Structures are given as structure tokens and as C-alpha cells.
Amino acid sequence: MTTTLRAPHATDEADARHLLLGMLRVRRFEERCVELYSAALIRGFMHLYIGEEAVAVGAMDAVGPEDAVVSTYREHGHALVRGVSARAVMAEMFGRVEGCSRGHGGSMHLFDTATRFYGGNAIVAGGLPVAVGLALADRLAGQDRVTACFFGEGAVAEGAFHESMNLAALWHLPVVFLCENNLYAMGTALRRSESQTDLTVKAASYAMPAWAVDGMDVLACRAAARRAVGLVRAGAGPCFVEFRTYRFRAHSMYDPELYRSKEEVERWKTRDPLETFARRLGDAGLIGPAERERLEAEVAAEIDDAVAFAEAGTLEPVEDLTRQVYRRAVP
């Protein structure tokens, strides 16, 4: 069965602040990362989440601390919302030992066992088999846990997607598949790569509940994720949610972005999840300009502190570079 959920219309002041602050943290953190990347303080590949914040903030609110989270290489927002500190994420971006992956992973491989955040996976669809494995381990150990697996719509074209969906359904595993459909994967429009562009239809073919939601609306994202997590936790087997969203920046910092028009991007920016939610809160009398300014200041101070922490961090000694690297034994 495939359905489309609508957002609830109300929230209280504390909840409104929590959601708005979460989206602000992700947005401002990544905007600072752009500046640092341009200054060559962050190196390598970097994939930004700007425009998609409602998905991470809304969906993660449905996942408990005991549950596992598996993500993609566009995972800065997921990590921050999950509870990985801005200091640990920024230090990892700088390649410092104090980073959440000890500087080994960089932007695409954030990892934190304390928050059960299992990547940051650079391979498209690479996180799905990991999520199925985590869920199977919990089932075998008798743990009452759910695994939340984030991935982009580009993963749907990979064999690992279909194998993972099939096994999860066959074995009735507690996995919530959370598809962030930003329409372009790396740089190819969904309509040019998939004959069936309603991804809930693909998921439903594996005999699991599947529905779509407005990925630019944080309340709608949370409602959809809560419904899915609730079903899975109650023993209904895996669920699939398609978040229909859009990234405002190019695929990566190296992407010339020739596959879509500037006019299209600007149209989507009118649905900016951060600004549309802030306007709704203002109209409801929950958060006005003064409180928004205070939240912005709080986020700015946190990010300044994270940057200072990263800049003062430690580079791994050269003699340690071959540690944890495997090689075939020579006869």
C-alpha cells in the first residue's frame, strides 16, 4: 500500500524551538564548512545537505537513543541531529585525531558508536546491507531496537537496494528505510534513470508498508517517520518512507551543476524548510524575530567553538598512517 501523508498543523513552543534550532544548526554548520573548504582548511570531497534539513531533524526525532542509524556520504546533518557533537564533526572535517572517526574518515565517513551512528558510507547504497545486518543482529540478540537507514534515490538503482529490501521483508527485520529523494542523485534526473519514479511503488513490491511525504516540511517528516518507527517497533516488519526533498547546492563541491537550471533551484528555494517553518511559527505566535535572533546567536557560538576546537586539534603522526590497514601476507 502506498499513501502520501500530510503534516500536522500544531506544535508547542518548546517543540517549535527544538525543531527550528535543529535545522539552524545543520544549515549554519554547513555554510561555515563551505567557507572553510574554500579556504582549503577542509579538503577532499564534501557533499552538502543544505535544503534537506527537515528530513534529518524530523525523522531523527522519531528514533530512540537505543536504535541504530545508518547514513550516506551527505551525513553531516544526520550526525549533528543524532547527537554527535559539532566539535567532533568539525574536527573530523579537518582530519584531526579528535574527530569522531579519529580523522581517518573526513566528510564522508562520520562514525560514532556512542550515539549508534554507523556511517557515513561513501558507496551509493552501501549502507543498506549494513542496516539489514544491524537489524538482524538485534533480532538474534533479542534486542527491542529499530535500525533507521537513510539513503538517496540514486541508491534505488543499485542491486544492494533490492537485495536489502527483499531480505528485510523475508526475515521481517526491524528496519525503517528512509529515502531522501532529491531528484538528481549525483547529477542525473530521476526521470532519466528510473522508469517508475514513484519510489513507494518499488518498495511496496517487497510487501512492506510504503508512503511518501513532503520532505520540505519538518512536521510532515516527523509524523511520517514516527508512524514508520511505530509500526516497525510493534513488530510489523520493515517500512519505507520516501521524503520528497531538494538540495540547494550542487552534488559536491566539485560539481559544475550543469544538469539543472538556476531557475529551478530558485523555485525550490521558495519552499526552504527552515524559512517556511519559521514563518509558520511566527504566524502561530510561537517564535518571533527576537527569539530567532537568539537561536541564531546560540548556533553561531557553537560553530565558532567547533572551528576553534578543530583548528587546535592534532594531526595523526606519520608513523601511524599504516595502522589499521590490511595487506596480504607475502609467502
C-alpha atoms as a PDB file:
ATOM      1  CA  MET A   1       0.000   0.000   0.000  1.00  0.00           C
ATOM      2  CA  THR A   2       1.328   3.457  -0.873  1.00  0.00           C
ATOM      3  CA  THR A   3      -0.026   6.687   0.559  1.00  0.00           C
ATOM      4  CA  THR A   4       1.047  10.305   0.931  1.00  0.00           C
ATOM      5  CA  LEU A   5       0.973  11.815   4.420  1.00  0.00           C
ATOM      6  CA  ARG A   6       0.111  15.389   5.265  1.00  0.00           C
ATOM      7  CA  ALA A   7       1.748  17.366   8.043  1.00  0.00           C
ATOM      8  CA  PRO A   8       0.131  18.041  11.399  1.00  0.00           C
ATOM      9  CA  HIS A   9      -0.635  21.698  11.932  1.00  0.00           C
ATOM     10  CA  ALA A  10       0.362  22.442  15.518  1.00  0.00           C
ATOM     11  CA  THR A  11       3.266  22.229  17.941  1.00  0.00           C
ATOM     12  CA  ASP A  12       4.075  23.893  21.258  1.00  0.00           C
ATOM     13  CA  GLU A  13       6.761  26.499  21.915  1.00  0.00           C
ATOM     14  CA  ALA A  14       9.394  24.125  23.307  1.00  0.00           C
ATOM     15  CA  ASP A  15       8.915  21.703  20.442  1.00  0.00           C
ATOM     16  CA  ALA A  16       8.980  24.537  17.900  1.00  0.00           C
ATOM     17  CA  ARG A  17      12.267  25.792  19.330  1.00  0.00           C
ATOM     18  CA  HIS A  18      13.745  22.284  19.277  1.00  0.00           C
ATOM     19  CA  LEU A  19      12.904  21.737  15.602  1.00  0.00           C
ATOM     20  CA  LEU A  20      13.927  25.202  14.418  1.00  0.00           C
ATOM     21  CA  LEU A  21      17.187  25.072  16.365  1.00  0.00           C
ATOM     22  CA  GLY A  22      17.982  21.668  14.865  1.00  0.00           C
ATOM     23  CA  MET A  23      17.563  22.928  11.304  1.00  0.00           C
ATOM     24  CA  LEU A  24      19.518  26.096  12.039  1.00  0.00           C
ATOM     25  CA  ARG A  25      22.440  24.078  13.450  1.00  0.00           C
ATOM     26  CA  VAL A  26      22.671  21.928  10.339  1.00  0.00           C
ATOM     27  CA  ARG A  27      22.306  24.841   7.909  1.00  0.00           C
ATOM     28  CA  ARG A  28      24.790  27.174   9.599  1.00  0.00           C
ATOM     29  CA  PHE A  29      27.294  24.385  10.240  1.00  0.00           C
ATOM     30  CA  GLU A  30      27.388  23.505   6.564  1.00  0.00           C
ATOM     31  CA  GLU A  31      27.532  27.129   5.451  1.00  0.00           C
ATOM     32  CA  ARG A  32      30.634  27.524   7.630  1.00  0.00           C
ATOM     33  CA  CYS A  33      32.053  24.342   6.109  1.00  0.00           C
ATOM     34  CA  VAL A  34      31.736  25.932   2.655  1.00  0.00           C
ATOM     35  CA  GLU A  35      33.833  28.881   3.853  1.00  0.00           C
ATOM     36  CA  LEU A  36      36.429  26.575   5.397  1.00  0.00           C
ATOM     37  CA  TYR A  37      36.566  24.401   2.301  1.00  0.00           C
ATOM     38  CA  SER A  38      37.112  27.464   0.123  1.00  0.00           C
ATOM     39  CA  ALA A  39      39.974  28.424   2.431  1.00  0.00           C
ATOM     40  CA  ALA A  40      41.478  24.902   1.977  1.00  0.00           C
ATOM     41  CA  LEU A  41      41.083  24.123   5.693  1.00  0.00           C
ATOM     42  CA  ILE A  42      38.722  21.286   4.808  1.00  0.00           C
ATOM     43  CA  ARG A  43      39.972  19.066   1.992  1.00  0.00           C
ATOM     44  CA  GLY A  44      38.795  16.128  -0.074  1.00  0.00           C
ATOM     45  CA  PHE A  45      35.181  15.628  -1.129  1.00  0.00           C
ATOM     46  CA  MET A  46      32.307  17.346   0.628  1.00  0.00           C
ATOM     47  CA  HIS A  47      28.592  16.838  -0.018  1.00  0.00           C
ATOM     48  CA  LEU A  48      26.207  19.388   1.463  1.00  0.00           C
ATOM     49  CA  TYR A  49      22.744  18.829   2.920  1.00  0.00           C
ATOM     50  CA  ILE A  50      21.528  22.417   2.545  1.00  0.00           C
ATOM     51  CA  GLY A  51      17.821  22.351   1.685  1.00  0.00           C
ATOM     52  CA  GLU A  52      17.171  18.894   3.131  1.00  0.00           C
ATOM     53  CA  GLU A  53      17.357  19.756   6.844  1.00  0.00           C
ATOM     54  CA  ALA A  54      13.691  18.989   7.517  1.00  0.00           C
ATOM     55  CA  VAL A  55      14.279  15.310   6.778  1.00  0.00           C
ATOM     56  CA  ALA A  56      17.130  14.798   9.245  1.00  0.00           C
ATOM     57  CA  VAL A  57      15.556  16.885  12.011  1.00  0.00           C
ATOM     58  CA  GLY A  58      12.069  15.478  11.577  1.00  0.00           C
ATOM     59  CA  ALA A  59      12.953  11.838  11.020  1.00  0.00           C
ATOM     60  CA  MET A  60      15.630  11.609  13.699  1.00  0.00           C
ATOM     61  CA  ASP A  61      13.097  12.818  16.257  1.00  0.00           C
ATOM     62  CA  ALA A  62      11.281   9.506  15.787  1.00  0.00           C
ATOM     63  CA  VAL A  63      14.336   7.356  16.535  1.00  0.00           C
ATOM     64  CA  GLY A  64      15.291   6.434  20.087  1.00  0.00           C
ATOM     65  CA  PRO A  65      18.818   6.535  21.560  1.00  0.00           C
ATOM     66  CA  GLU A  66      18.895   2.734  21.681  1.00  0.00           C
ATOM     67  CA  ASP A  67      18.225   2.477  17.942  1.00  0.00           C
ATOM     68  CA  ALA A  68      20.885   2.418  15.218  1.00  0.00           C
ATOM     69  CA  VAL A  69      21.252   4.997  12.450  1.00  0.00           C
ATOM     70  CA  VAL A  70      22.961   4.339   9.105  1.00  0.00           C
ATOM     71  CA  SER A  71      23.579   7.205   6.707  1.00  0.00           C
ATOM     72  CA  THR A  72      25.151   8.257   3.404  1.00  0.00           C
ATOM     73  CA  TYR A  73      28.090  10.471   2.474  1.00  0.00           C
ATOM     74  CA  ARG A  74      25.735  13.507   2.780  1.00  0.00           C
ATOM     75  CA  GLU A  75      25.566  12.913   6.507  1.00  0.00           C
ATOM     76  CA  HIS A  76      26.748  16.000   8.405  1.00  0.00           C
ATOM     77  CA  GLY A  77      23.159  16.898   9.271  1.00  0.00           C
ATOM     78  CA  HIS A  78      22.285  13.362  10.332  1.00  0.00           C
ATOM     79  CA  ALA A  79      25.326  13.202  12.627  1.00  0.00           C
ATOM     80  CA  LEU A  80      24.643  16.553  14.282  1.00  0.00           C
ATOM     81  CA  VAL A  81      20.958  15.818  14.842  1.00  0.00           C
ATOM     82  CA  ARG A  82      21.786  12.347  16.138  1.00  0.00           C
ATOM     83  CA  GLY A  83      23.889  13.914  18.879  1.00  0.00           C
ATOM     84  CA  VAL A  84      27.442  13.749  17.564  1.00  0.00           C
ATOM     85  CA  SER A  85      28.956  16.999  18.828  1.00  0.00           C
ATOM     86  CA  ALA A  86      29.738  19.854  16.475  1.00  0.00           C
ATOM     87  CA  ARG A  87      33.298  19.704  17.814  1.00  0.00           C
ATOM     88  CA  ALA A  88      33.711  16.036  16.874  1.00  0.00           C
ATOM     89  CA  VAL A  89      32.203  16.535  13.415  1.00  0.00           C
ATOM     90  CA  MET A  90      34.239  19.640  12.625  1.00  0.00           C
ATOM     91  CA  ALA A  91      37.467  18.042  13.864  1.00  0.00           C
ATOM     92  CA  GLU A  92      36.777  15.103  11.563  1.00  0.00           C
ATOM     93  CA  MET A  93      36.249  17.508   8.668  1.00  0.00           C
ATOM     94  CA  PHE A  94      39.680  18.945   9.463  1.00  0.00           C
ATOM     95  CA  GLY A  95      41.212  15.450   9.588  1.00  0.00           C
ATOM     96  CA  ARG A  96      42.145  15.759  13.246  1.00  0.00           C
ATOM     97  CA  VAL A  97      42.595  12.906  15.713  1.00  0.00           C
ATOM     98  CA  GLU A  98      39.915  14.486  17.906  1.00  0.00           C
ATOM     99  CA  GLY A  99      37.329  13.883  15.166  1.00  0.00           C
ATOM    100  CA  CYS A 100      34.586  11.293  15.578  1.00  0.00           C
ATOM    101  CA  SER A 101      36.495   8.916  13.251  1.00  0.00           C
ATOM    102  CA  ARG A 102      39.927   9.986  14.557  1.00  0.00           C
ATOM    103  CA  GLY A 103      40.485  11.958  11.374  1.00  0.00           C
ATOM    104  CA  HIS A 104      40.501   8.810   9.234  1.00  0.00           C
ATOM    105  CA  GLY A 105      37.134   9.349   7.591  1.00  0.00           C
ATOM    106  CA  GLY A 106      36.710  13.021   6.796  1.00  0.00           C
ATOM    107  CA  SER A 107      33.478  14.434   5.442  1.00  0.00           C
ATOM    108  CA  MET A 108      32.063  11.205   4.004  1.00  0.00           C
ATOM    109  CA  HIS A 109      32.786   8.766   6.840  1.00  0.00           C
ATOM    110  CA  LEU A 110      31.470  10.202  10.088  1.00  0.00           C
ATOM    111  CA  PHE A 111      31.030   7.415  12.649  1.00  0.00           C
ATOM    112  CA  ASP A 112      30.184   7.393  16.346  1.00  0.00           C
ATOM    113  CA  THR A 113      29.472   4.268  18.378  1.00  0.00           C
ATOM    114  CA  ALA A 114      28.362   6.268  21.444  1.00  0.00           C
ATOM    115  CA  THR A 115      25.298   7.530  19.570  1.00  0.00           C
ATOM    116  CA  ARG A 116      24.963   4.322  17.496  1.00  0.00           C
ATOM    117  CA  PHE A 117      25.656   6.305  14.344  1.00  0.00           C
ATOM    118  CA  TYR A 118      27.112   3.777  11.888  1.00  0.00           C
ATOM    119  CA  GLY A 119      28.237   5.953   8.982  1.00  0.00           C
ATOM    120  CA  GLY A 120      28.740   7.911   6.727  1.00  0.00           C
ATOM    121  CA  ASN A 121      29.039   5.420   3.817  1.00  0.00           C
ATOM    122  CA  ALA A 122      30.723   6.644   0.633  1.00  0.00           C
ATOM    123  CA  ILE A 123      29.356   3.900  -1.637  1.00  0.00           C
ATOM    124  CA  VAL A 124      25.893   4.558  -3.054  1.00  0.00           C
ATOM    125  CA  ALA A 125      23.503   2.085  -1.351  1.00  0.00           C
ATOM    126  CA  GLY A 126      26.418   0.813   0.741  1.00  0.00           C
ATOM    127  CA  GLY A 127      24.597   1.496   3.985  1.00  0.00           C
ATOM    128  CA  LEU A 128      21.544  -0.631   3.227  1.00  0.00           C
ATOM    129  CA  PRO A 129      23.180  -4.059   3.735  1.00  0.00           C
ATOM    130  CA  VAL A 130      24.797  -2.676   6.908  1.00  0.00           C
ATOM    131  CA  ALA A 131      21.384  -1.628   8.199  1.00  0.00           C
ATOM    132  CA  VAL A 132      19.920  -5.061   7.441  1.00  0.00           C
ATOM    133  CA  GLY A 133      22.859  -6.665   9.254  1.00  0.00           C
ATOM    134  CA  LEU A 134      22.376  -4.467  12.317  1.00  0.00           C
ATOM    135  CA  ALA A 135      18.684  -5.265  12.403  1.00  0.00           C
ATOM    136  CA  LEU A 136      19.375  -8.987  12.048  1.00  0.00           C
ATOM    137  CA  ALA A 137      21.914  -8.809  14.894  1.00  0.00           C
ATOM    138  CA  ASP A 138      19.332  -7.112  17.120  1.00  0.00           C
ATOM    139  CA  ARG A 139      16.741  -9.749  16.217  1.00  0.00           C
ATOM    140  CA  LEU A 140      19.128 -12.622  17.020  1.00  0.00           C
ATOM    141  CA  ALA A 141      20.162 -10.975  20.295  1.00  0.00           C
ATOM    142  CA  GLY A 142      16.550 -10.381  21.315  1.00  0.00           C
ATOM    143  CA  GLN A 143      17.030  -6.599  21.404  1.00  0.00           C
ATOM    144  CA  ASP A 144      13.984  -4.348  21.111  1.00  0.00           C
ATOM    145  CA  ARG A 145      15.629  -1.960  18.660  1.00  0.00           C
ATOM    146  CA  VAL A 146      14.967  -0.356  15.302  1.00  0.00           C
ATOM    147  CA  THR A 147      17.562   0.478  12.637  1.00  0.00           C
ATOM    148  CA  ALA A 148      16.939   3.673  10.663  1.00  0.00           C
ATOM    149  CA  CYS A 149      18.627   3.696   7.261  1.00  0.00           C
ATOM    150  CA  PHE A 150      18.954   6.947   5.294  1.00  0.00           C
ATOM    151  CA  PHE A 151      19.801   6.835   1.587  1.00  0.00           C
ATOM    152  CA  GLY A 152      19.224   8.844  -1.566  1.00  0.00           C
ATOM    153  CA  GLU A 153      17.010   7.959  -4.512  1.00  0.00           C
ATOM    154  CA  GLY A 154      20.128   7.091  -6.517  1.00  0.00           C
ATOM    155  CA  ALA A 155      20.501   4.013  -4.299  1.00  0.00           C
ATOM    156  CA  VAL A 156      17.245   2.623  -5.687  1.00  0.00           C
ATOM    157  CA  ALA A 157      19.055   1.823  -8.953  1.00  0.00           C
ATOM    158  CA  GLU A 158      21.605  -0.365  -7.143  1.00  0.00           C
ATOM    159  CA  GLY A 159      21.333  -4.090  -6.612  1.00  0.00           C
ATOM    160  CA  ALA A 160      22.117  -3.675  -2.935  1.00  0.00           C
ATOM    161  CA  PHE A 161      18.844  -1.768  -2.518  1.00  0.00           C
ATOM    162  CA  HIS A 162      16.735  -4.590  -3.888  1.00  0.00           C
ATOM    163  CA  GLU A 163      18.655  -7.319  -2.071  1.00  0.00           C
ATOM    164  CA  SER A 164      18.358  -5.432   1.213  1.00  0.00           C
ATOM    165  CA  MET A 165      14.663  -4.702   0.819  1.00  0.00           C
ATOM    166  CA  ASN A 166      13.978  -8.319  -0.083  1.00  0.00           C
ATOM    167  CA  LEU A 167      15.905  -9.798   2.841  1.00  0.00           C
ATOM    168  CA  ALA A 168      14.422  -7.323   5.328  1.00  0.00           C
ATOM    169  CA  ALA A 169      10.925  -8.246   4.189  1.00  0.00           C
ATOM    170  CA  LEU A 170      11.595 -12.009   4.042  1.00  0.00           C
ATOM    171  CA  TRP A 171      13.092 -12.053   7.521  1.00  0.00           C
ATOM    172  CA  HIS A 172      10.649  -9.499   8.943  1.00  0.00           C
ATOM    173  CA  LEU A 173      13.513  -7.343  10.217  1.00  0.00           C
ATOM    174  CA  PRO A 174      13.098  -4.101  12.223  1.00  0.00           C
ATOM    175  CA  VAL A 175      14.423  -1.665   9.605  1.00  0.00           C
ATOM    176  CA  VAL A 176      12.997   1.729   8.658  1.00  0.00           C
ATOM    177  CA  PHE A 177      14.139   2.604   5.130  1.00  0.00           C
ATOM    178  CA  LEU A 178      14.256   6.410   4.801  1.00  0.00           C
ATOM    179  CA  CYS A 179      14.750   7.506   1.186  1.00  0.00           C
ATOM    180  CA  GLU A 180      15.792  11.135   0.659  1.00  0.00           C
ATOM    181  CA  ASN A 181      14.609  11.761  -2.887  1.00  0.00           C
ATOM    182  CA  ASN A 182      16.301  14.996  -4.015  1.00  0.00           C
ATOM    183  CA  LEU A 183      15.532  14.207  -7.674  1.00  0.00           C
ATOM    184  CA  TYR A 184      19.050  14.154  -9.093  1.00  0.00           C
ATOM    185  CA  ALA A 185      21.173  11.506  -7.355  1.00  0.00           C
ATOM    186  CA  MET A 186      24.683  12.606  -8.364  1.00  0.00           C
ATOM    187  CA  GLY A 187      23.678  14.525 -11.474  1.00  0.00           C
ATOM    188  CA  THR A 188      21.093  12.512 -13.351  1.00  0.00           C
ATOM    189  CA  ALA A 189      17.407  13.367 -13.055  1.00  0.00           C
ATOM    190  CA  LEU A 190      15.268  10.619 -11.571  1.00  0.00           C
ATOM    191  CA  ARG A 191      13.031  10.596 -14.639  1.00  0.00           C
ATOM    192  CA  ARG A 192      16.083   9.773 -16.796  1.00  0.00           C
ATOM    193  CA  SER A 193      17.260   6.842 -14.670  1.00  0.00           C
ATOM    194  CA  GLU A 194      14.064   5.191 -13.394  1.00  0.00           C
ATOM    195  CA  SER A 195      11.077   4.042 -15.441  1.00  0.00           C
ATOM    196  CA  GLN A 196       8.968   4.133 -12.264  1.00  0.00           C
ATOM    197  CA  THR A 197       9.603   7.433 -10.475  1.00  0.00           C
ATOM    198  CA  ASP A 198       7.161   6.763  -7.629  1.00  0.00           C
ATOM    199  CA  LEU A 199       9.639   5.036  -5.359  1.00  0.00           C
ATOM    200  CA  THR A 200       6.963   3.910  -2.934  1.00  0.00           C
ATOM    201  CA  VAL A 201       5.707   1.561  -5.641  1.00  0.00           C
ATOM    202  CA  LYS A 202       9.097  -0.129  -5.807  1.00  0.00           C
ATOM    203  CA  ALA A 203       9.205  -0.536  -2.037  1.00  0.00           C
ATOM    204  CA  ALA A 204       5.636  -1.800  -1.820  1.00  0.00           C
ATOM    205  CA  SER A 205       6.537  -4.541  -4.306  1.00  0.00           C
ATOM    206  CA  TYR A 206       8.526  -6.101  -1.461  1.00  0.00           C
ATOM    207  CA  ALA A 207       5.333  -6.409   0.593  1.00  0.00           C
ATOM    208  CA  MET A 208       6.124  -3.682   3.092  1.00  0.00           C
ATOM    209  CA  PRO A 209       4.201  -0.509   4.004  1.00  0.00           C
ATOM    210  CA  ALA A 210       5.448   2.450   1.955  1.00  0.00           C
ATOM    211  CA  TRP A 211       4.398   6.061   1.652  1.00  0.00           C
ATOM    212  CA  ALA A 212       5.688   9.445   0.518  1.00  0.00           C
ATOM    213  CA  VAL A 213       5.864  12.727   2.399  1.00  0.00           C
ATOM    214  CA  ASP A 214       6.743  16.364   1.747  1.00  0.00           C
ATOM    215  CA  GLY A 215      10.434  16.403   2.612  1.00  0.00           C
ATOM    216  CA  MET A 216      10.464  20.202   2.857  1.00  0.00           C
ATOM    217  CA  ASP A 217       8.106  20.172   5.863  1.00  0.00           C
ATOM    218  CA  VAL A 218       9.736  19.192   9.162  1.00  0.00           C
ATOM    219  CA  LEU A 219       6.438  18.345  10.867  1.00  0.00           C
ATOM    220  CA  ALA A 220       5.348  16.136   7.989  1.00  0.00           C
ATOM    221  CA  CYS A 221       8.734  14.393   8.016  1.00  0.00           C
ATOM    222  CA  ARG A 222       8.484  13.705  11.728  1.00  0.00           C
ATOM    223  CA  ALA A 223       4.918  12.433  11.503  1.00  0.00           C
ATOM    224  CA  ALA A 224       5.839  10.033   8.695  1.00  0.00           C
ATOM    225  CA  ALA A 225       8.933   8.765  10.499  1.00  0.00           C
ATOM    226  CA  ARG A 226       7.069   8.299  13.771  1.00  0.00           C
ATOM    227  CA  ARG A 227       4.414   6.260  12.005  1.00  0.00           C
ATOM    228  CA  ALA A 228       7.051   4.067  10.358  1.00  0.00           C
ATOM    229  CA  VAL A 229       9.138   3.574  13.508  1.00  0.00           C
ATOM    230  CA  GLY A 230       5.995   2.779  15.469  1.00  0.00           C
ATOM    231  CA  LEU A 231       4.955   0.080  13.024  1.00  0.00           C
ATOM    232  CA  VAL A 232       8.410  -1.467  12.929  1.00  0.00           C
ATOM    233  CA  ARG A 233       8.822  -1.391  16.698  1.00  0.00           C
ATOM    234  CA  ALA A 234       5.423  -3.049  17.085  1.00  0.00           C
ATOM    235  CA  GLY A 235       6.662  -5.993  15.017  1.00  0.00           C
ATOM    236  CA  ALA A 236       5.152  -5.176  11.632  1.00  0.00           C
ATOM    237  CA  GLY A 237       8.432  -5.754   9.806  1.00  0.00           C
ATOM    238  CA  PRO A 238      10.273  -3.160   7.692  1.00  0.00           C
ATOM    239  CA  CYS A 239       8.773   0.102   6.414  1.00  0.00           C
ATOM    240  CA  PHE A 240       9.754   2.526   3.653  1.00  0.00           C
ATOM    241  CA  VAL A 241       9.293   6.310   3.642  1.00  0.00           C
ATOM    242  CA  GLU A 242      10.107   8.487   0.640  1.00  0.00           C
ATOM    243  CA  PHE A 243      10.958  12.077   1.609  1.00  0.00           C
ATOM    244  CA  ARG A 244      10.468  14.263  -1.463  1.00  0.00           C
ATOM    245  CA  THR A 245      13.064  16.951  -0.931  1.00  0.00           C
ATOM    246  CA  TYR A 246      15.665  19.042  -2.798  1.00  0.00           C
ATOM    247  CA  ARG A 247      19.266  20.071  -2.255  1.00  0.00           C
ATOM    248  CA  PHE A 248      20.003  23.725  -2.923  1.00  0.00           C
ATOM    249  CA  ARG A 249      23.713  23.188  -3.501  1.00  0.00           C
ATOM    250  CA  ALA A 250      25.454  21.102  -6.153  1.00  0.00           C
ATOM    251  CA  HIS A 251      26.031  17.377  -5.605  1.00  0.00           C
ATOM    252  CA  SER A 252      29.506  18.071  -4.233  1.00  0.00           C
ATOM    253  CA  MET A 253      31.933  20.970  -4.050  1.00  0.00           C
ATOM    254  CA  TYR A 254      33.470  19.809  -7.358  1.00  0.00           C
ATOM    255  CA  ASP A 255      30.168  19.602  -9.231  1.00  0.00           C
ATOM    256  CA  PRO A 256      29.702  22.182 -12.060  1.00  0.00           C
ATOM    257  CA  GLU A 257      25.920  21.606 -11.751  1.00  0.00           C
ATOM    258  CA  LEU A 258      25.105  21.549 -15.460  1.00  0.00           C
ATOM    259  CA  TYR A 259      22.144  19.186 -15.150  1.00  0.00           C
ATOM    260  CA  ARG A 260      19.550  21.622 -13.742  1.00  0.00           C
ATOM    261  CA  SER A 261      18.658  25.259 -14.251  1.00  0.00           C
ATOM    262  CA  LYS A 262      19.213  28.093 -11.800  1.00  0.00           C
ATOM    263  CA  GLU A 263      15.530  28.940 -12.205  1.00  0.00           C
ATOM    264  CA  GLU A 264      14.546  25.508 -10.923  1.00  0.00           C
ATOM    265  CA  VAL A 265      16.787  25.854  -7.884  1.00  0.00           C
ATOM    266  CA  GLU A 266      15.325  29.265  -7.096  1.00  0.00           C
ATOM    267  CA  ARG A 267      11.788  27.880  -7.339  1.00  0.00           C
ATOM    268  CA  TRP A 268      12.611  25.214  -4.799  1.00  0.00           C
ATOM    269  CA  LYS A 269      14.214  27.780  -2.503  1.00  0.00           C
ATOM    270  CA  THR A 270      10.791  29.366  -2.074  1.00  0.00           C
ATOM    271  CA  ARG A 271       9.995  26.171  -0.147  1.00  0.00           C
ATOM    272  CA  ASP A 272      13.107  26.410   2.058  1.00  0.00           C
ATOM    273  CA  PRO A 273      12.175  24.182   5.033  1.00  0.00           C
ATOM    274  CA  LEU A 274      13.898  26.423   7.532  1.00  0.00           C
ATOM    275  CA  GLU A 275      12.261  29.661   6.428  1.00  0.00           C
ATOM    276  CA  THR A 276       8.789  28.272   5.761  1.00  0.00           C
ATOM    277  CA  PHE A 277       8.734  26.650   9.205  1.00  0.00           C
ATOM    278  CA  ALA A 278       9.960  29.864  10.841  1.00  0.00           C
ATOM    279  CA  ARG A 279       7.144  31.793   9.138  1.00  0.00           C
ATOM    280  CA  ARG A 280       4.578  29.271  10.334  1.00  0.00           C
ATOM    281  CA  LEU A 281       5.877  29.608  13.873  1.00  0.00           C
ATOM    282  CA  GLY A 282       5.739  33.380  13.651  1.00  0.00           C
ATOM    283  CA  ASP A 283       2.185  33.308  12.343  1.00  0.00           C
ATOM    284  CA  ALA A 284       1.223  30.995  15.217  1.00  0.00           C
ATOM    285  CA  GLY A 285       2.839  33.328  17.764  1.00  0.00           C
ATOM    286  CA  LEU A 286       5.313  30.672  18.904  1.00  0.00           C
ATOM    287  CA  ILE A 287       8.687  32.087  17.814  1.00  0.00           C
ATOM    288  CA  GLY A 288       9.183  35.667  16.692  1.00  0.00           C
ATOM    289  CA  PRO A 289      12.150  37.616  15.302  1.00  0.00           C
ATOM    290  CA  ALA A 290      13.785  38.202  18.694  1.00  0.00           C
ATOM    291  CA  GLU A 291      13.817  34.506  19.586  1.00  0.00           C
ATOM    292  CA  ARG A 292      15.017  33.626  16.088  1.00  0.00           C
ATOM    293  CA  GLU A 293      17.915  36.037  16.554  1.00  0.00           C
ATOM    294  CA  ARG A 294      18.746  34.444  19.898  1.00  0.00           C
ATOM    295  CA  LEU A 295      18.748  30.966  18.353  1.00  0.00           C
ATOM    296  CA  GLU A 296      20.997  32.178  15.545  1.00  0.00           C
ATOM    297  CA  ALA A 297      23.437  33.556  18.114  1.00  0.00           C
ATOM    298  CA  GLU A 298      23.407  30.273  20.044  1.00  0.00           C
ATOM    299  CA  VAL A 299      24.196  28.309  16.894  1.00  0.00           C
ATOM    300  CA  ALA A 300      26.912  30.747  15.791  1.00  0.00           C
ATOM    301  CA  ALA A 301      28.663  30.429  19.168  1.00  0.00           C
ATOM    302  CA  GLU A 302      28.547  26.632  18.986  1.00  0.00           C
ATOM    303  CA  ILE A 303      30.025  26.600  15.488  1.00  0.00           C
ATOM    304  CA  ASP A 304      32.733  29.124  16.382  1.00  0.00           C
ATOM    305  CA  ASP A 305      33.698  26.874  19.273  1.00  0.00           C
ATOM    306  CA  ALA A 306      33.752  23.820  16.992  1.00  0.00           C
ATOM    307  CA  VAL A 307      36.013  25.534  14.472  1.00  0.00           C
ATOM    308  CA  ALA A 308      38.415  26.657  17.194  1.00  0.00           C
ATOM    309  CA  PHE A 309      38.476  23.135  18.593  1.00  0.00           C
ATOM    310  CA  ALA A 310      39.209  21.662  15.171  1.00  0.00           C
ATOM    311  CA  GLU A 311      41.927  24.173  14.356  1.00  0.00           C
ATOM    312  CA  ALA A 312      43.664  23.368  17.651  1.00  0.00           C
ATOM    313  CA  GLY A 313      43.346  19.639  17.025  1.00  0.00           C
ATOM    314  CA  THR A 314      46.079  17.085  16.461  1.00  0.00           C
ATOM    315  CA  LEU A 315      47.173  15.656  13.140  1.00  0.00           C
ATOM    316  CA  GLU A 316      47.843  11.931  13.204  1.00  0.00           C
ATOM    317  CA  PRO A 317      51.564  11.099  13.381  1.00  0.00           C
ATOM    318  CA  VAL A 318      53.001   9.946  10.070  1.00  0.00           C
ATOM    319  CA  GLU A 319      54.139   6.679  11.623  1.00  0.00           C
ATOM    320  CA  ASP A 320      50.510   5.835  12.410  1.00  0.00           C
ATOM    321  CA  LEU A 321      49.288   6.113   8.828  1.00  0.00           C
ATOM    322  CA  THR A 322      49.707   2.395   8.128  1.00  0.00           C
ATOM    323  CA  ARG A 323      47.861   1.308  11.292  1.00  0.00           C
ATOM    324  CA  GLN A 324      44.541  -0.494  10.769  1.00  0.00           C
ATOM    325  CA  VAL A 325      45.439  -1.139   7.115  1.00  0.00           C
ATOM    326  CA  TYR A 326      45.369  -4.735   5.950  1.00  0.00           C
ATOM    327  CA  ARG A 327      47.748  -6.365   3.494  1.00  0.00           C
ATOM    328  CA  ARG A 328      48.137  -9.843   2.082  1.00  0.00           C
ATOM    329  CA  ALA A 329      50.938 -11.822   3.664  1.00  0.00           C
ATOM    330  CA  VAL A 330      53.844 -12.447   1.322  1.00  0.00           C
ATOM    331  CA  PRO A 331      54.968 -16.146   1.300  1.00  0.00           C
END
